[in-house]
Protein backbone atom coordinates (compact mmCIF):
# COMPACT_ATOMS: atom_id res chain seq x y z
CA MET A 1 3.49 -16.49 5.01
CA ALA A 2 6.61 -17.47 6.89
CA GLN A 3 6.90 -15.52 10.14
CA SER A 4 9.49 -15.88 12.88
CA GLY A 5 7.85 -17.59 15.82
CA TYR A 6 4.65 -18.34 13.91
CA GLY A 7 5.64 -20.63 11.05
CA GLN A 8 3.20 -20.65 8.17
CA ARG A 9 -0.41 -19.66 8.65
CA ILE A 10 -3.44 -18.37 6.82
CA PRO A 11 -6.59 -17.87 8.90
CA MET A 12 -9.96 -18.72 7.37
CA LEU A 13 -13.23 -17.11 8.41
CA TYR A 14 -16.58 -18.75 7.67
CA THR A 15 -19.47 -16.32 7.86
CA ARG A 16 -23.08 -16.14 6.70
CA GLY A 17 -25.70 -13.41 6.87
CA THR A 18 -26.68 -10.11 5.31
CA TYR A 19 -24.10 -7.76 3.79
CA TYR A 20 -24.02 -5.78 7.02
CA GLU A 21 -23.70 -8.91 9.16
CA VAL A 22 -20.87 -10.37 7.09
CA GLY A 23 -19.04 -7.04 7.22
CA TYR A 24 -19.59 -6.83 10.98
CA ASN A 25 -18.22 -10.35 11.48
CA VAL A 26 -15.08 -9.55 9.49
CA GLY A 27 -14.59 -6.30 11.39
CA SER A 28 -15.03 -7.86 14.82
CA VAL A 29 -12.81 -10.90 14.15
CA PHE A 30 -9.98 -8.89 12.55
CA GLN A 31 -10.37 -5.68 14.56
CA GLU A 32 -6.77 -5.62 15.79
CA TRP A 33 -5.37 -6.33 12.31
CA ILE A 34 -7.51 -3.62 10.74
CA HIS A 35 -6.24 -0.97 13.15
CA THR A 36 -2.63 -2.15 12.82
CA TYR A 37 -2.82 -2.13 9.04
CA PHE A 38 -4.43 1.32 9.00
CA ASN A 39 -1.72 2.79 11.21
CA SER A 40 0.99 1.26 8.98
CA SER A 41 -0.56 2.54 5.75
CA LEU A 42 -0.26 5.86 3.94
CA ILE A 43 -3.59 7.04 5.35
CA PRO A 44 -2.49 8.76 8.59
CA SER A 45 0.54 10.52 7.09
CA HIS A 46 -0.56 11.21 3.50
CA ILE A 47 -4.27 10.68 2.84
CA LEU A 48 -5.85 12.11 6.01
CA PRO A 49 -4.24 15.55 5.51
CA PHE A 50 -5.60 15.55 1.96
CA TYR A 51 -9.03 14.37 3.17
CA ASN A 52 -9.15 17.29 5.62
CA THR A 53 -8.92 19.80 2.77
CA HIS A 54 -11.85 21.07 0.74
CA LYS A 55 -10.62 19.27 -2.36
CA GLY A 56 -10.06 16.08 -0.42
CA ARG A 57 -13.61 16.07 0.91
CA GLU A 58 -14.92 16.64 -2.61
CA VAL A 59 -12.97 13.61 -3.87
CA PHE A 60 -14.19 11.50 -0.94
CA ASP A 61 -17.83 12.53 -1.39
CA GLU A 62 -17.70 11.92 -5.15
CA TYR A 63 -16.34 8.38 -4.73
CA LEU A 64 -18.80 7.60 -1.94
CA LYS A 65 -21.76 8.85 -3.99
CA ALA A 66 -20.70 6.75 -6.99
CA SER A 67 -20.25 3.70 -4.74
CA GLU A 68 -23.68 4.14 -3.14
CA ILE A 69 -25.31 4.35 -6.59
CA ASN A 70 -23.43 1.48 -8.21
CA PHE A 71 -22.69 -0.86 -5.28
CA PRO A 72 -24.93 0.11 -2.33
CA GLN A 73 -24.78 -3.38 -0.82
CA TYR A 74 -20.98 -3.19 -0.59
CA VAL A 75 -21.19 0.19 1.13
CA THR A 76 -23.57 -1.49 3.60
CA GLU A 77 -21.03 -4.29 4.07
CA LEU A 78 -18.31 -1.72 4.73
CA ARG A 79 -20.51 0.02 7.32
CA GLY A 80 -20.87 -3.33 9.05
CA MET A 81 -17.10 -3.76 9.01
CA SER A 82 -16.74 -0.27 10.47
CA ASP A 83 -19.09 -1.04 13.36
CA GLY A 84 -17.51 -4.45 13.99
CA SER A 85 -13.94 -3.13 14.01
CA ARG A 86 -14.74 0.14 15.80
CA MET A 87 -12.98 2.08 13.07
CA THR A 88 -14.75 5.04 11.54
CA PHE A 89 -16.46 4.44 8.22
CA GLU A 90 -14.55 7.40 6.77
CA ASN A 91 -11.18 5.83 7.56
CA LEU A 92 -12.21 2.44 6.11
CA PHE A 93 -13.53 4.05 2.94
CA LEU A 94 -10.32 6.06 2.62
CA LEU A 95 -8.41 2.76 2.61
CA HIS A 96 -10.52 1.66 -0.36
CA ILE A 97 -9.82 4.83 -2.37
CA SER A 98 -6.30 5.53 -1.10
CA LYS A 99 -4.60 4.74 -4.40
CA GLU A 100 -7.01 6.97 -6.32
CA ALA A 101 -6.56 9.79 -3.83
CA TYR A 102 -2.80 9.43 -3.94
CA PHE A 103 -2.66 9.56 -7.72
CA VAL A 104 -5.17 12.43 -7.91
CA ASP A 105 -3.38 14.83 -5.62
CA LEU A 106 -0.22 13.62 -3.96
CA MET A 107 2.07 11.78 -6.35
CA GLY A 108 4.97 13.92 -7.50
CA ALA A 109 6.09 13.98 -11.10
CA ASP A 110 9.30 12.15 -10.19
CA ASP A 111 7.52 9.45 -8.17
CA ASN A 112 7.53 5.90 -9.49
CA PRO A 113 3.91 4.69 -9.81
CA GLU A 114 5.04 1.08 -9.41
CA ARG A 115 5.55 1.85 -5.74
CA HIS A 116 1.76 1.93 -5.49
CA VAL A 117 0.86 -0.83 -7.98
CA HIS A 118 1.76 -4.27 -6.71
CA GLY A 119 0.42 -6.46 -9.48
CA CYS A 120 0.71 -10.22 -9.86
CA SER A 121 2.12 -12.91 -12.16
CA SER A 122 -0.31 -15.33 -13.82
CA VAL A 123 0.16 -18.53 -15.81
CA TYR A 124 -2.53 -20.50 -17.64
CA ILE A 125 -2.31 -23.96 -19.20
CA ASN A 126 -5.32 -25.17 -21.15
CA THR A 127 -5.27 -28.66 -22.68
CA PRO A 128 -7.81 -31.51 -22.57
CA ASP A 129 -5.70 -33.24 -19.91
CA LEU A 130 -4.52 -30.27 -17.86
CA LYS A 131 -6.42 -27.07 -17.12
CA VAL A 132 -4.60 -24.92 -14.59
CA LEU A 133 -4.78 -21.26 -13.65
CA ALA A 134 -2.00 -20.23 -11.26
CA GLN A 135 -0.91 -16.92 -9.82
CA ASN A 136 1.56 -15.21 -7.54
CA GLU A 137 -0.33 -12.82 -5.29
CA ASP A 138 2.11 -9.93 -4.82
CA VAL A 139 1.46 -7.68 -1.85
CA ASP A 140 2.84 -4.80 0.19
CA THR A 141 5.55 -6.08 2.50
CA PHE A 142 3.93 -4.57 5.60
CA ALA A 143 0.49 -5.96 4.63
CA ASN A 144 1.54 -9.57 4.13
CA PRO A 145 0.91 -10.83 7.70
CA TYR A 146 -2.68 -9.62 7.67
CA TYR A 147 -4.18 -11.62 4.81
CA TYR A 148 -6.83 -14.27 5.40
CA LEU A 149 -9.33 -16.43 3.52
CA ILE A 150 -13.04 -15.80 3.82
CA ASN A 151 -15.85 -18.19 2.99
CA ALA A 152 -18.91 -15.95 2.86
CA HIS A 153 -22.53 -16.76 2.12
CA ILE A 154 -24.47 -13.52 1.81
CA ILE A 155 -28.25 -13.72 1.76
CA ASP A 156 -29.89 -10.31 1.76
CA PRO A 157 -33.03 -10.19 -0.43
CA GLY A 158 -34.10 -6.78 0.86
CA VAL A 159 -30.84 -4.97 0.20
CA GLN A 160 -30.71 -2.13 -2.31
CA LYS A 161 -28.94 -3.16 -5.52
CA GLY A 162 -27.08 -1.28 -8.23
CA THR A 163 -24.73 -2.75 -10.83
CA VAL A 164 -24.65 -6.14 -9.07
CA THR A 165 -28.15 -7.65 -9.02
CA CYS A 166 -27.63 -11.22 -7.80
CA GLU A 167 -29.96 -12.55 -5.11
CA GLU A 168 -27.16 -14.02 -3.01
CA GLU A 169 -23.38 -14.37 -3.01
CA HIS A 170 -21.37 -17.42 -1.98
CA PHE A 171 -17.61 -17.35 -2.44
CA THR A 172 -14.21 -18.20 -1.01
CA ALA A 173 -11.54 -15.54 -1.49
CA LEU A 174 -8.24 -14.18 -0.24
CA SER A 175 -8.72 -10.87 1.49
CA CYS A 176 -6.95 -8.25 3.55
CA PRO A 177 -8.93 -7.25 6.63
CA GLU A 178 -9.26 -3.56 5.81
CA LEU A 179 -10.68 -4.23 2.32
CA LEU A 180 -13.79 -5.95 1.04
CA PRO A 181 -13.12 -9.34 -0.65
CA GLY A 182 -12.43 -9.17 -4.37
CA TYR A 183 -8.85 -7.92 -4.66
CA GLY A 184 -7.28 -11.37 -4.49
CA PHE A 185 -7.85 -14.84 -5.88
CA GLY A 186 -11.10 -16.66 -5.20
CA PHE A 187 -13.96 -18.73 -6.56
CA ASN A 188 -17.72 -18.60 -6.31
CA LYS A 189 -20.69 -20.96 -6.36
CA TYR A 190 -21.19 -20.61 -10.11
CA GLY A 191 -17.94 -22.40 -10.88
CA LEU A 192 -16.09 -19.24 -11.82
CA ILE A 193 -12.55 -18.64 -10.62
CA THR A 194 -11.57 -15.01 -10.60
CA ARG A 195 -9.35 -12.41 -9.02
CA ALA A 196 -12.43 -10.29 -8.40
CA LEU A 197 -16.06 -9.93 -9.47
CA LEU A 198 -17.04 -12.64 -7.02
CA SER A 199 -20.76 -12.10 -7.55
CA ALA A 200 -20.75 -12.87 -11.30
CA SER A 201 -22.59 -15.96 -12.56
CA SER A 202 -21.07 -15.92 -16.07
CA VAL A 203 -18.30 -14.36 -18.12
CA ASP A 204 -20.86 -12.08 -19.79
CA GLU A 205 -21.93 -10.88 -16.34
CA MET A 206 -18.31 -10.15 -15.45
CA VAL A 207 -17.95 -8.07 -18.59
CA ARG A 208 -21.16 -6.14 -17.82
CA ILE A 209 -20.10 -5.41 -14.25
CA SER A 210 -16.60 -4.38 -15.34
CA ARG A 211 -17.92 -2.06 -18.05
CA ASN A 212 -20.17 -0.33 -15.46
CA LYS A 213 -22.02 1.85 -17.94
CA GLY A 214 -22.70 5.36 -16.71
CA TYR A 215 -19.71 5.47 -14.35
CA GLY A 216 -16.88 3.25 -15.53
CA ALA A 217 -13.96 2.31 -13.30
CA SER A 218 -11.62 4.72 -11.52
CA ASP A 219 -8.66 2.35 -11.88
CA GLY A 220 -7.61 -0.33 -14.33
CA PHE A 221 -7.30 -4.00 -13.45
CA HIS A 222 -6.90 -7.47 -14.91
CA ALA A 223 -9.02 -10.52 -14.08
CA ASN A 224 -7.93 -14.12 -14.70
CA ILE A 225 -11.01 -16.25 -15.33
CA ALA A 226 -11.64 -19.99 -15.53
CA SER A 227 -14.79 -22.03 -15.11
CA LEU A 228 -15.48 -25.57 -14.06
CA ASN A 229 -18.16 -25.67 -16.74
CA HIS A 230 -16.27 -24.50 -19.85
CA LYS A 231 -13.26 -25.62 -21.88
CA GLU A 232 -12.12 -22.05 -22.44
CA MET A 233 -10.31 -19.70 -20.06
CA TRP A 234 -10.30 -15.92 -20.28
CA SER A 235 -8.17 -12.87 -19.63
CA LEU A 236 -10.12 -9.67 -18.93
CA GLU A 237 -8.26 -6.36 -19.13
CA VAL A 238 -10.20 -3.35 -17.87
CA GLY A 239 -9.14 0.27 -18.14
CA PRO A 240 -10.31 3.38 -16.29
CA GLY A 241 -13.18 5.26 -17.88
CA LYS A 242 -15.31 8.26 -16.93
CA PHE A 243 -18.65 6.95 -18.21
CA GLU A 244 -17.82 3.39 -19.23
CA SER A 245 -14.76 1.20 -18.75
CA PRO A 246 -12.91 0.17 -21.90
CA LEU A 247 -12.11 -3.51 -21.75
CA LYS A 248 -10.82 -6.46 -23.72
CA LEU A 249 -11.87 -10.06 -23.12
CA THR A 250 -9.34 -12.51 -24.56
CA THR A 251 -10.24 -16.18 -24.87
CA ILE A 252 -7.56 -18.77 -24.08
CA PRO A 253 -8.86 -21.79 -26.01
CA GLU A 254 -8.22 -25.41 -25.21
CA GLN A 255 -5.18 -26.58 -27.18
CA ALA A 256 -5.21 -30.27 -28.05
CA ASN A 257 -2.20 -30.18 -30.41
CA PRO A 258 0.89 -31.05 -28.32
CA ASP A 259 3.13 -29.29 -30.85
CA LYS A 260 1.51 -25.91 -30.23
CA PRO A 261 1.81 -23.65 -27.16
CA CYS A 262 -0.94 -24.27 -24.62
CA HIS A 263 -0.01 -21.56 -22.10
CA TYR A 264 -0.71 -17.89 -21.50
CA PHE A 265 1.12 -15.37 -19.31
CA HIS A 266 0.04 -12.10 -17.74
CA PHE A 267 2.29 -9.74 -15.77
CA ASN A 268 0.33 -6.68 -14.68
CA GLU A 269 0.34 -4.88 -18.03
CA TYR A 270 -2.17 -4.27 -20.79
CA TYR A 271 -1.49 -6.72 -23.61
CA TYR A 272 -4.61 -6.32 -25.76
CA LEU A 273 -6.41 -3.21 -24.48
CA THR A 274 -4.62 -0.91 -26.88
CA GLU A 275 -6.88 2.14 -26.44
CA VAL A 276 -5.62 2.65 -22.88
CA GLU A 277 -2.32 4.43 -22.42
CA GLN A 278 0.30 2.12 -20.96
CA ASN A 279 2.49 3.50 -18.20
CA PRO A 280 6.07 2.62 -19.23
CA ASN A 281 7.48 2.96 -15.72
CA PHE A 282 6.76 -0.59 -14.53
CA PRO A 283 10.20 -2.27 -14.66
CA SER A 284 9.12 -5.29 -12.58
CA SER A 285 6.32 -6.21 -14.99
CA ALA A 286 8.66 -5.98 -17.98
CA ALA A 287 11.41 -7.98 -16.23
CA ARG A 288 9.02 -10.73 -15.10
CA GLU A 289 7.59 -11.12 -18.59
CA LYS A 290 11.06 -11.17 -20.19
CA ARG A 291 12.28 -13.87 -17.82
CA ALA A 292 9.18 -16.06 -18.31
CA LEU A 293 9.58 -15.92 -22.08
CA GLU A 294 13.20 -17.03 -21.75
CA MET A 295 12.13 -20.23 -20.00
CA SER A 296 10.84 -23.38 -21.68
CA PRO A 297 7.09 -23.14 -22.36
CA PRO A 298 5.25 -24.63 -19.37
CA ARG A 299 3.48 -27.95 -20.01
CA THR A 300 2.98 -29.31 -16.50
CA VAL A 301 2.08 -28.06 -13.03
CA ARG A 302 5.72 -28.39 -12.06
CA ASP A 303 6.64 -26.17 -15.02
CA ILE A 304 4.15 -23.57 -13.80
CA LYS A 305 5.73 -23.64 -10.33
CA ALA A 306 9.14 -23.22 -11.94
CA VAL A 307 7.96 -20.04 -13.66
CA LEU A 308 6.17 -18.56 -10.65
CA GLY A 309 9.00 -19.50 -8.30
CA ASP A 310 11.81 -18.16 -10.49
CA THR A 311 14.32 -15.79 -8.84
CA GLN A 312 17.03 -15.61 -11.49
CA ASN A 313 16.61 -11.86 -11.94
CA ILE A 314 17.85 -10.75 -8.53
CA VAL A 315 16.57 -7.17 -8.97
CA TYR A 316 13.07 -7.89 -10.31
CA PRO A 317 12.39 -11.62 -9.83
CA ILE A 318 9.10 -13.32 -10.70
CA TYR A 319 8.87 -14.62 -7.14
CA ARG A 320 9.27 -11.25 -5.49
CA CYS A 321 11.08 -10.62 -2.19
CA GLY A 322 10.28 -7.00 -1.40
CA LYS A 323 13.87 -5.77 -1.54
CA SER A 324 14.65 -2.38 -3.04
CA PRO A 325 14.11 -1.32 -5.76
CA ASP A 326 11.21 -3.80 -5.96
CA THR A 327 8.71 -2.74 -3.30
CA SER A 328 6.39 -5.78 -3.47
CA MET A 329 6.74 -9.34 -2.24
CA THR A 330 5.01 -12.55 -3.25
CA GLY A 331 2.80 -13.38 -0.31
CA TYR A 332 0.96 -16.36 -1.79
CA THR A 333 0.98 -18.64 -4.81
CA VAL A 334 -2.34 -20.20 -5.77
CA VAL A 335 -2.81 -23.11 -8.18
CA PHE A 336 -6.34 -23.79 -9.43
CA ASP A 337 -6.62 -27.23 -11.02
CA ILE A 338 -9.86 -27.14 -13.00
CA LEU A 339 -10.07 -30.86 -13.79
CA LYS A 340 -9.22 -31.94 -10.24
CA LYS A 341 -11.43 -29.14 -8.86
CA THR A 342 -8.87 -28.09 -6.25
CA MET A 343 -7.24 -24.87 -5.05
CA GLU A 344 -3.73 -25.14 -3.60
CA VAL A 345 -2.31 -22.19 -1.66
CA TYR A 346 1.43 -21.87 -1.02
CA THR A 347 2.94 -19.44 1.45
CA GLU A 348 6.52 -20.28 0.48
CA ASN A 349 8.18 -20.55 -2.91
CA PRO A 350 6.44 -23.44 -4.73
CA LEU A 351 9.60 -24.14 -6.75
CA ASN A 352 11.31 -25.57 -3.68
CA ASP A 353 9.00 -28.61 -3.52
CA ASN A 354 7.16 -27.10 -0.56
CA ALA A 355 3.80 -28.65 0.12
CA PRO A 356 0.84 -26.30 -0.14
CA LEU A 357 -0.29 -24.95 3.20
CA LEU A 358 -3.89 -25.33 2.07
CA ASN A 359 -5.69 -27.57 -0.42
CA LEU A 360 -9.40 -26.86 -0.83
CA PRO A 361 -12.02 -28.41 -3.12
CA LEU A 362 -13.62 -25.97 -5.55
CA THR A 363 -17.04 -26.48 -4.06
CA LEU A 364 -19.32 -24.36 -1.90
């Protein structure tokens, strides 16, 4: 992230312990950022007044109950973050459900939902000689300075478990200090590379967690998946569901024929999950997809950077700048090279031959 007076930077926190201890460490290290982000968010002006109503407390209690049943260890982690940052647990949990609360009660009929959905742009290439999964991480403009990388090793055999049943978690991921890791790019000790679901040991486990039988998901999402141990890559689209999340797992096979396309794009829309209603009011997603399809099919890493760094559409570019009417900006570009087992992170447009700020091996 380029900042006047600071240059480029991305802090990295190494932490190990129980869920509570890891949360406490994050909270204590990033205490100032957490409070600054909270005060800049919609919570004080929009969500807290709703929370202080009877209906708002019902929504809060319902989400907290579901979280404690399905993901009790993550609630414990959030309580640790609360204690470490000296921010109330209620305010931190409201940050995690702010989008749901906003859509449930506050968004007017004439409001554009894309203001609250920031999305990303993803490019895959899968050939025997080049296996790359790359992504623009698009973020809120005011949130961009507060992102960091976390390398966490969580060992907590006595913790209560719900949907996630693994004995330990070990991952590296991009995170924003007010949220638990899992919203941004990352990889875990099982060789999986994902945008979320950092505890999963296999693609089948990711599908099971995402389906979340009995409760489903309150919000839809898309996960880009690659593994150091498989030739295939995957695109997982997950929709909201009351008792079970509808989802579609699409396999991106290895393409050895040089005359056939070997790439795959995703731009924050449902492409294969047809049973979920698509919101048509996402002009940035449509514009980014249209522009990518106009370009020559990517065959190299440089081609991928050309797609993700493209700014030809000055209103809704692929590499986003946060200027109205587009409310998001590209904070980071990540390039996972599966064969080289590396993760490159760029904080400036990768098209301009900028060197990555960070190059990490995909090992833990």
